[in-house]
PDB file of N, CA and C in Angstrom:
ATOM      1  N   UNK A   1       8.538 -29.279 -11.546  1.00  0.00           N
ATOM      2  CA  UNK A   1       8.067 -28.598 -10.372  1.00  0.00           C
ATOM      3  C   UNK A   1       7.044 -29.496  -9.674  1.00  0.00           C
ATOM      4  N   UNK A   2       7.045 -29.452  -8.359  1.00  0.00           N
ATOM      5  CA  UNK A   2       6.124 -30.263  -7.565  1.00  0.00           C
ATOM      6  C   UNK A   2       5.089 -29.370  -6.889  1.00  0.00           C
ATOM      7  N   UNK A   3       3.891 -29.916  -6.757  1.00  0.00           N
ATOM      8  CA  UNK A   3       2.802 -29.211  -6.095  1.00  0.00           C
ATOM      9  C   UNK A   3       2.414 -29.996  -4.851  1.00  0.00           C
ATOM     10  N   UNK A   4       2.432 -29.310  -3.698  1.00  0.00           N
ATOM     11  CA  UNK A   4       2.043 -29.931  -2.438  1.00  0.00           C
ATOM     12  C   UNK A   4       0.522 -29.923  -2.347  1.00  0.00           C
ATOM     13  N   UNK A   5      -0.064 -31.124  -2.182  1.00  0.00           N
ATOM     14  CA  UNK A   5      -1.514 -31.264  -2.136  1.00  0.00           C
ATOM     15  C   UNK A   5      -2.060 -31.384  -0.726  1.00  0.00           C
ATOM     16  N   UNK A   6      -1.195 -31.549   0.242  1.00  0.00           N
ATOM     17  CA  UNK A   6      -1.625 -31.722   1.620  1.00  0.00           C
ATOM     18  C   UNK A   6      -1.247 -33.105   2.117  1.00  0.00           C
ATOM     19  N   UNK A   7      -1.284 -33.270   3.427  1.00  0.00           N
ATOM     20  CA  UNK A   7      -0.900 -34.556   4.006  1.00  0.00           C
ATOM     21  C   UNK A   7       0.520 -34.892   3.604  1.00  0.00           C
ATOM     22  N   UNK A   8       0.687 -36.067   3.042  1.00  0.00           N
ATOM     23  CA  UNK A   8       2.008 -36.472   2.563  1.00  0.00           C
ATOM     24  C   UNK A   8       2.045 -36.521   1.042  1.00  0.00           C
ATOM     25  N   UNK A   9       1.119 -35.815   0.390  1.00  0.00           N
ATOM     26  CA  UNK A   9       1.003 -35.887  -1.065  1.00  0.00           C
ATOM     27  C   UNK A   9       1.582 -34.653  -1.748  1.00  0.00           C
ATOM     28  N   UNK A  10       2.515 -34.916  -2.635  1.00  0.00           N
ATOM     29  CA  UNK A  10       3.058 -33.906  -3.539  1.00  0.00           C
ATOM     30  C   UNK A  10       3.173 -34.579  -4.901  1.00  0.00           C
ATOM     31  N   UNK A  11       2.841 -33.844  -5.951  1.00  0.00           N
ATOM     32  CA  UNK A  11       2.868 -34.439  -7.284  1.00  0.00           C
ATOM     33  C   UNK A  11       3.697 -33.583  -8.228  1.00  0.00           C
ATOM     34  N   UNK A  12       4.299 -34.243  -9.187  1.00  0.00           N
ATOM     35  CA  UNK A  12       4.994 -33.555 -10.259  1.00  0.00           C
ATOM     36  C   UNK A  12       3.928 -32.907 -11.140  1.00  0.00           C
ATOM     37  N   UNK A  13       4.040 -31.614 -11.377  1.00  0.00           N
ATOM     38  CA  UNK A  13       3.011 -30.915 -12.154  1.00  0.00           C
ATOM     39  C   UNK A  13       2.941 -31.409 -13.597  1.00  0.00           C
ATOM     40  N   UNK A  14       3.981 -32.060 -14.084  1.00  0.00           N
ATOM     41  CA  UNK A  14       3.928 -32.646 -15.430  1.00  0.00           C
ATOM     42  C   UNK A  14       2.944 -33.811 -15.484  1.00  0.00           C
ATOM     43  N   UNK A  15       2.642 -34.423 -14.349  1.00  0.00           N
ATOM     44  CA  UNK A  15       1.697 -35.539 -14.285  1.00  0.00           C
ATOM     45  C   UNK A  15       0.277 -35.088 -13.972  1.00  0.00           C
ATOM     46  N   UNK A  16       0.107 -33.811 -13.691  1.00  0.00           N
ATOM     47  CA  UNK A  16      -1.185 -33.279 -13.278  1.00  0.00           C
ATOM     48  C   UNK A  16      -2.081 -33.032 -14.492  1.00  0.00           C
ATOM     49  N   UNK A  17      -3.229 -33.693 -14.508  1.00  0.00           N
ATOM     50  CA  UNK A  17      -4.207 -33.495 -15.578  1.00  0.00           C
ATOM     51  C   UNK A  17      -5.142 -32.346 -15.214  1.00  0.00           C
ATOM     52  N   UNK A  18      -5.593 -32.315 -13.953  1.00  0.00           N
ATOM     53  CA  UNK A  18      -6.481 -31.255 -13.519  1.00  0.00           C
ATOM     54  C   UNK A  18      -6.765 -31.319 -12.040  1.00  0.00           C
ATOM     55  N   UNK A  19      -7.239 -30.185 -11.520  1.00  0.00           N
ATOM     56  CA  UNK A  19      -7.659 -30.082 -10.131  1.00  0.00           C
ATOM     57  C   UNK A  19      -9.108 -29.621 -10.150  1.00  0.00           C
ATOM     58  N   UNK A  20      -9.954 -30.319  -9.399  1.00  0.00           N
ATOM     59  CA  UNK A  20     -11.390 -30.069  -9.463  1.00  0.00           C
ATOM     60  C   UNK A  20     -11.961 -29.834  -8.076  1.00  0.00           C
ATOM     61  N   UNK A  21     -12.861 -28.892  -7.971  1.00  0.00           N
ATOM     62  CA  UNK A  21     -13.536 -28.553  -6.719  1.00  0.00           C
ATOM     63  C   UNK A  21     -14.654 -29.550  -6.473  1.00  0.00           C
ATOM     64  N   UNK A  22     -14.653 -30.198  -5.326  1.00  0.00           N
ATOM     65  CA  UNK A  22     -15.681 -31.204  -5.020  1.00  0.00           C
ATOM     66  C   UNK A  22     -17.072 -30.597  -4.868  1.00  0.00           C
ATOM     67  N   UNK A  23     -17.161 -29.380  -4.315  1.00  0.00           N
ATOM     68  CA  UNK A  23     -18.473 -28.750  -4.161  1.00  0.00           C
ATOM     69  C   UNK A  23     -19.148 -28.513  -5.510  1.00  0.00           C
ATOM     70  N   UNK A  24     -18.372 -28.148  -6.505  1.00  0.00           N
ATOM     71  CA  UNK A  24     -18.936 -27.850  -7.825  1.00  0.00           C
ATOM     72  C   UNK A  24     -19.113 -29.076  -8.705  1.00  0.00           C
ATOM     73  N   UNK A  25     -18.366 -30.121  -8.453  1.00  0.00           N
ATOM     74  CA  UNK A  25     -18.414 -31.278  -9.350  1.00  0.00           C
ATOM     75  C   UNK A  25     -19.159 -32.479  -8.792  1.00  0.00           C
ATOM     76  N   UNK A  26     -19.253 -32.585  -7.465  1.00  0.00           N
ATOM     77  CA  UNK A  26     -19.826 -33.809  -6.892  1.00  0.00           C
ATOM     78  C   UNK A  26     -21.334 -33.910  -7.041  1.00  0.00           C
ATOM     79  N   UNK A  27     -21.991 -32.844  -7.454  1.00  0.00           N
ATOM     80  CA  UNK A  27     -23.441 -32.940  -7.688  1.00  0.00           C
ATOM     81  C   UNK A  27     -23.739 -33.799  -8.911  1.00  0.00           C
ATOM     82  N   UNK A  28     -22.794 -33.922  -9.811  1.00  0.00           N
ATOM     83  CA  UNK A  28     -22.989 -34.711 -11.033  1.00  0.00           C
ATOM     84  C   UNK A  28     -22.809 -36.206 -10.750  1.00  0.00           C
ATOM     85  N   UNK A  29     -23.755 -36.986 -11.232  1.00  0.00           N
ATOM     86  CA  UNK A  29     -23.642 -38.434 -11.039  1.00  0.00           C
ATOM     87  C   UNK A  29     -22.431 -38.990 -11.778  1.00  0.00           C
ATOM     88  N   UNK A  30     -21.987 -38.329 -12.847  1.00  0.00           N
ATOM     89  CA  UNK A  30     -20.809 -38.793 -13.588  1.00  0.00           C
ATOM     90  C   UNK A  30     -19.539 -38.656 -12.746  1.00  0.00           C
ATOM     91  N   UNK A  31     -19.436 -37.548 -12.021  1.00  0.00           N
ATOM     92  CA  UNK A  31     -18.272 -37.366 -11.148  1.00  0.00           C
ATOM     93  C   UNK A  31     -18.280 -38.394 -10.029  1.00  0.00           C
ATOM     94  N   UNK A  32     -19.439 -38.611  -9.434  1.00  0.00           N
ATOM     95  CA  UNK A  32     -19.526 -39.606  -8.359  1.00  0.00           C
ATOM     96  C   UNK A  32     -19.173 -40.999  -8.880  1.00  0.00           C
ATOM     97  N   UNK A  33     -19.627 -41.332 -10.094  1.00  0.00           N
ATOM     98  CA  UNK A  33     -19.271 -42.628 -10.693  1.00  0.00           C
ATOM     99  C   UNK A  33     -17.770 -42.712 -10.942  1.00  0.00           C
ATOM    100  N   UNK A  34     -17.188 -41.624 -11.444  1.00  0.00           N
ATOM    101  CA  UNK A  34     -15.754 -41.591 -11.726  1.00  0.00           C
ATOM    102  C   UNK A  34     -14.944 -41.819 -10.455  1.00  0.00           C
ATOM    103  N   UNK A  35     -15.306 -41.127  -9.381  1.00  0.00           N
ATOM    104  CA  UNK A  35     -14.579 -41.281  -8.118  1.00  0.00           C
ATOM    105  C   UNK A  35     -14.791 -42.667  -7.516  1.00  0.00           C
ATOM    106  N   UNK A  36     -16.000 -43.202  -7.639  1.00  0.00           N
ATOM    107  CA  UNK A  36     -16.268 -44.560  -7.151  1.00  0.00           C
ATOM    108  C   UNK A  36     -15.457 -45.592  -7.918  1.00  0.00           C
ATOM    109  N   UNK A  37     -15.361 -45.417  -9.223  1.00  0.00           N
ATOM    110  CA  UNK A  37     -14.580 -46.341 -10.052  1.00  0.00           C
ATOM    111  C   UNK A  37     -13.096 -46.259  -9.709  1.00  0.00           C
ATOM    112  N   UNK A  38     -12.594 -45.040  -9.493  1.00  0.00           N
ATOM    113  CA  UNK A  38     -11.191 -44.875  -9.116  1.00  0.00           C
ATOM    114  C   UNK A  38     -10.907 -45.556  -7.782  1.00  0.00           C
ATOM    115  N   UNK A  39     -11.843 -45.434  -6.841  1.00  0.00           N
ATOM    116  CA  UNK A  39     -11.668 -46.097  -5.546  1.00  0.00           C
ATOM    117  C   UNK A  39     -11.698 -47.611  -5.699  1.00  0.00           C
ATOM    118  N   UNK A  40     -12.638 -48.109  -6.463  1.00  0.00           N
ATOM    119  CA  UNK A  40     -12.762 -49.553  -6.683  1.00  0.00           C
ATOM    120  C   UNK A  40     -11.514 -50.126  -7.355  1.00  0.00           C
ATOM    121  N   UNK A  41     -10.927 -49.348  -8.275  1.00  0.00           N
ATOM    122  CA  UNK A  41      -9.743 -49.800  -9.004  1.00  0.00           C
ATOM    123  C   UNK A  41      -8.438 -49.560  -8.252  1.00  0.00           C
ATOM    124  N   UNK A  42      -8.534 -49.026  -7.040  1.00  0.00           N
ATOM    125  CA  UNK A  42      -7.338 -48.789  -6.236  1.00  0.00           C
ATOM    126  C   UNK A  42      -6.534 -47.581  -6.675  1.00  0.00           C
ATOM    127  N   UNK A  43      -7.165 -46.646  -7.387  1.00  0.00           N
ATOM    128  CA  UNK A  43      -6.467 -45.480  -7.901  1.00  0.00           C
ATOM    129  C   UNK A  43      -6.733 -44.219  -7.091  1.00  0.00           C
ATOM    130  N   UNK A  44      -7.549 -44.335  -6.046  1.00  0.00           N
ATOM    131  CA  UNK A  44      -7.935 -43.180  -5.238  1.00  0.00           C
ATOM    132  C   UNK A  44      -7.105 -43.134  -3.963  1.00  0.00           C
ATOM    133  N   UNK A  45      -6.510 -41.966  -3.699  1.00  0.00           N
ATOM    134  CA  UNK A  45      -5.741 -41.746  -2.479  1.00  0.00           C
ATOM    135  C   UNK A  45      -6.359 -40.560  -1.750  1.00  0.00           C
ATOM    136  N   UNK A  46      -6.551 -40.700  -0.461  1.00  0.00           N
ATOM    137  CA  UNK A  46      -7.104 -39.617   0.336  1.00  0.00           C
ATOM    138  C   UNK A  46      -5.967 -38.940   1.094  1.00  0.00           C
ATOM    139  N   UNK A  47      -5.580 -37.736   0.656  1.00  0.00           N
ATOM    140  CA  UNK A  47      -4.523 -36.974   1.314  1.00  0.00           C
ATOM    141  C   UNK A  47      -5.110 -35.923   2.243  1.00  0.00           C
ATOM    142  N   UNK A  48      -6.430 -35.899   2.383  1.00  0.00           N
ATOM    143  CA  UNK A  48      -7.096 -34.919   3.239  1.00  0.00           C
ATOM    144  C   UNK A  48      -7.135 -35.436   4.672  1.00  0.00           C
ATOM    145  N   UNK A  49      -6.808 -34.565   5.604  1.00  0.00           N
ATOM    146  CA  UNK A  49      -6.878 -34.933   7.009  1.00  0.00           C
ATOM    147  C   UNK A  49      -8.286 -34.764   7.550  1.00  0.00           C
ATOM    148  N   UNK A  50      -9.103 -34.013   6.860  1.00  0.00           N
ATOM    149  CA  UNK A  50     -10.485 -33.766   7.243  1.00  0.00           C
ATOM    150  C   UNK A  50     -11.343 -33.984   5.990  1.00  0.00           C
ATOM    151  N   UNK A  51     -12.442 -33.315   5.870  1.00  0.00           N
ATOM    152  CA  UNK A  51     -13.315 -33.466   4.706  1.00  0.00           C
ATOM    153  C   UNK A  51     -12.595 -32.920   3.469  1.00  0.00           C
ATOM    154  N   UNK A  52     -12.468 -33.723   2.408  1.00  0.00           N
ATOM    155  CA  UNK A  52     -11.789 -33.238   1.204  1.00  0.00           C
ATOM    156  C   UNK A  52     -12.606 -32.144   0.514  1.00  0.00           C
ATOM    157  N   UNK A  53     -11.896 -31.178  -0.057  1.00  0.00           N
ATOM    158  CA  UNK A  53     -12.548 -30.073  -0.755  1.00  0.00           C
ATOM    159  C   UNK A  53     -12.301 -30.095  -2.249  1.00  0.00           C
ATOM    160  N   UNK A  54     -11.295 -30.847  -2.672  1.00  0.00           N
ATOM    161  CA  UNK A  54     -10.996 -30.926  -4.105  1.00  0.00           C
ATOM    162  C   UNK A  54     -10.325 -32.256  -4.395  1.00  0.00           C
ATOM    163  N   UNK A  55     -10.149 -32.528  -5.678  1.00  0.00           N
ATOM    164  CA  UNK A  55      -9.403 -33.720  -6.056  1.00  0.00           C
ATOM    165  C   UNK A  55      -8.552 -33.419  -7.274  1.00  0.00           C
ATOM    166  N   UNK A  56      -7.409 -34.093  -7.324  1.00  0.00           N
ATOM    167  CA  UNK A  56      -6.466 -33.940  -8.429  1.00  0.00           C
ATOM    168  C   UNK A  56      -6.463 -35.237  -9.227  1.00  0.00           C
ATOM    169  N   UNK A  57      -6.478 -35.091 -10.546  1.00  0.00           N
ATOM    170  CA  UNK A  57      -6.401 -36.238 -11.448  1.00  0.00           C
ATOM    171  C   UNK A  57      -5.017 -36.222 -12.087  1.00  0.00           C
ATOM    172  N   UNK A  58      -4.357 -37.367 -12.059  1.00  0.00           N
ATOM    173  CA  UNK A  58      -3.008 -37.488 -12.606  1.00  0.00           C
ATOM    174  C   UNK A  58      -3.014 -38.394 -13.830  1.00  0.00           C
ATOM    175  N   UNK A  59      -1.973 -38.267 -14.633  1.00  0.00           N
ATOM    176  CA  UNK A  59      -1.829 -39.182 -15.758  1.00  0.00           C
ATOM    177  C   UNK A  59      -1.758 -40.594 -15.209  1.00  0.00           C
ATOM    178  N   UNK A  60      -2.278 -41.534 -15.922  1.00  0.00           N
ATOM    179  CA  UNK A  60      -2.323 -42.905 -15.450  1.00  0.00           C
ATOM    180  C   UNK A  60      -3.586 -43.205 -14.665  1.00  0.00           C
ATOM    181  N   UNK A  61      -4.418 -42.183 -14.418  1.00  0.00           N
ATOM    182  CA  UNK A  61      -5.702 -42.402 -13.778  1.00  0.00           C
ATOM    183  C   UNK A  61      -5.749 -42.230 -12.282  1.00  0.00           C
ATOM    184  N   UNK A  62      -4.624 -41.943 -11.633  1.00  0.00           N
ATOM    185  CA  UNK A  62      -4.632 -41.758 -10.184  1.00  0.00           C
ATOM    186  C   UNK A  62      -5.438 -40.521  -9.820  1.00  0.00           C
ATOM    187  N   UNK A  63      -6.150 -40.607  -8.693  1.00  0.00           N
ATOM    188  CA  UNK A  63      -6.960 -39.503  -8.181  1.00  0.00           C
ATOM    189  C   UNK A  63      -6.579 -39.295  -6.718  1.00  0.00           C
ATOM    190  N   UNK A  64      -6.315 -38.038  -6.347  1.00  0.00           N
ATOM    191  CA  UNK A  64      -5.943 -37.718  -4.973  1.00  0.00           C
ATOM    192  C   UNK A  64      -6.946 -36.723  -4.413  1.00  0.00           C
ATOM    193  N   UNK A  65      -7.620 -37.114  -3.327  1.00  0.00           N
ATOM    194  CA  UNK A  65      -8.516 -36.205  -2.619  1.00  0.00           C
ATOM    195  C   UNK A  65      -7.669 -35.299  -1.748  1.00  0.00           C
ATOM    196  N   UNK A  66      -7.964 -33.992  -1.750  1.00  0.00           N
ATOM    197  CA  UNK A  66      -7.141 -33.027  -1.038  1.00  0.00           C
ATOM    198  C   UNK A  66      -7.969 -32.144  -0.124  1.00  0.00           C
ATOM    199  N   UNK A  67      -7.338 -31.664   0.924  1.00  0.00           N
ATOM    200  CA  UNK A  67      -7.966 -30.742   1.861  1.00  0.00           C
ATOM    201  C   UNK A  67      -8.047 -29.323   1.293  1.00  0.00           C
ATOM    202  N   UNK A  68      -6.971 -28.788   0.706  1.00  0.00           N
ATOM    203  CA  UNK A  68      -7.057 -27.422   0.181  1.00  0.00           C
ATOM    204  C   UNK A  68      -8.051 -27.337  -0.983  1.00  0.00           C
ATOM    205  N   UNK A  69      -8.630 -26.157  -1.153  1.00  0.00           N
ATOM    206  CA  UNK A  69      -9.557 -25.952  -2.258  1.00  0.00           C
ATOM    207  C   UNK A  69      -8.791 -25.914  -3.575  1.00  0.00           C
ATOM    208  N   UNK A  70      -9.510 -26.071  -4.659  1.00  0.00           N
ATOM    209  CA  UNK A  70      -8.901 -25.997  -5.988  1.00  0.00           C
ATOM    210  C   UNK A  70      -8.269 -24.625  -6.204  1.00  0.00           C
ATOM    211  N   UNK A  71      -8.918 -23.565  -5.698  1.00  0.00           N
ATOM    212  CA  UNK A  71      -8.377 -22.210  -5.841  1.00  0.00           C
ATOM    213  C   UNK A  71      -7.054 -22.059  -5.099  1.00  0.00           C
ATOM    214  N   UNK A  72      -6.951 -22.642  -3.918  1.00  0.00           N
ATOM    215  CA  UNK A  72      -5.709 -22.588  -3.147  1.00  0.00           C
ATOM    216  C   UNK A  72      -4.591 -23.312  -3.877  1.00  0.00           C
ATOM    217  N   UNK A  73      -4.889 -24.473  -4.424  1.00  0.00           N
ATOM    218  CA  UNK A  73      -3.870 -25.227  -5.163  1.00  0.00           C
ATOM    219  C   UNK A  73      -3.445 -24.480  -6.429  1.00  0.00           C
ATOM    220  N   UNK A  74      -4.385 -23.818  -7.087  1.00  0.00           N
ATOM    221  CA  UNK A  74      -4.051 -23.024  -8.274  1.00  0.00           C
ATOM    222  C   UNK A  74      -3.118 -21.872  -7.900  1.00  0.00           C
ATOM    223  N   UNK A  75      -3.379 -21.208  -6.774  1.00  0.00           N
ATOM    224  CA  UNK A  75      -2.498 -20.126  -6.313  1.00  0.00           C
ATOM    225  C   UNK A  75      -1.103 -20.659  -5.989  1.00  0.00           C
ATOM    226  N   UNK A  76      -1.027 -21.833  -5.384  1.00  0.00           N
ATOM    227  CA  UNK A  76       0.285 -22.426  -5.087  1.00  0.00           C
ATOM    228  C   UNK A  76       1.073 -22.642  -6.378  1.00  0.00           C
ATOM    229  N   UNK A  77       0.392 -23.126  -7.391  1.00  0.00           N
ATOM    230  CA  UNK A  77       1.074 -23.347  -8.670  1.00  0.00           C
ATOM    231  C   UNK A  77       1.544 -22.034  -9.277  1.00  0.00           C
ATOM    232  N   UNK A  78       0.692 -21.022  -9.246  1.00  0.00           N
ATOM    233  CA  UNK A  78       1.065 -19.715  -9.789  1.00  0.00           C
ATOM    234  C   UNK A  78       2.259 -19.126  -9.041  1.00  0.00           C
ATOM    235  N   UNK A  79       2.247 -19.217  -7.720  1.00  0.00           N
ATOM    236  CA  UNK A  79       3.356 -18.688  -6.926  1.00  0.00           C
ATOM    237  C   UNK A  79       4.656 -19.417  -7.227  1.00  0.00           C
ATOM    238  N   UNK A  80       4.591 -20.723  -7.402  1.00  0.00           N
ATOM    239  CA  UNK A  80       5.796 -21.491  -7.729  1.00  0.00           C
ATOM    240  C   UNK A  80       6.315 -21.111  -9.108  1.00  0.00           C
ATOM    241  N   UNK A  81       5.431 -20.898 -10.068  1.00  0.00           N
ATOM    242  CA  UNK A  81       5.844 -20.526 -11.417  1.00  0.00           C
ATOM    243  C   UNK A  81       6.536 -19.160 -11.406  1.00  0.00           C
ATOM    244  N   UNK A  82       6.015 -18.228 -10.615  1.00  0.00           N
ATOM    245  CA  UNK A  82       6.625 -16.893 -10.541  1.00  0.00           C
ATOM    246  C   UNK A  82       8.022 -16.956  -9.936  1.00  0.00           C
ATOM    247  N   UNK A  83       8.206 -17.788  -8.909  1.00  0.00           N
ATOM    248  CA  UNK A  83       9.511 -17.852  -8.255  1.00  0.00           C
ATOM    249  C   UNK A  83      10.523 -18.648  -9.073  1.00  0.00           C
ATOM    250  N   UNK A  84      10.056 -19.484  -9.986  1.00  0.00           N
ATOM    251  CA  UNK A  84      10.969 -20.294 -10.798  1.00  0.00           C
ATOM    252  C   UNK A  84      11.341 -19.649 -12.118  1.00  0.00           C
ATOM    253  N   UNK A  85      10.839 -18.458 -12.387  1.00  0.00           N
ATOM    254  CA  UNK A  85      11.119 -17.797 -13.671  1.00  0.00           C
ATOM    255  C   UNK A  85      12.461 -17.154 -13.651  1.00  0.00           C
TER     256      UNK A  85
END
């Protein structure tokens, strides 16, 4: 199953490690270091058309900044799971 993250980004949910809210996580210096390192290593993709509200971490270390909130992406996953049962 694929999850649409916004922009031109869709990911296979089997590769999804987690989705994190930027408002709740970016206050931590560890999160900021993690995102800076991902950008420096070329693993960060910005799929947000405006200010990103969340980010998705994929297997292999890729990080995608997204416009929708983490709660919105979680609802999308739940809705897809219900329709695929």
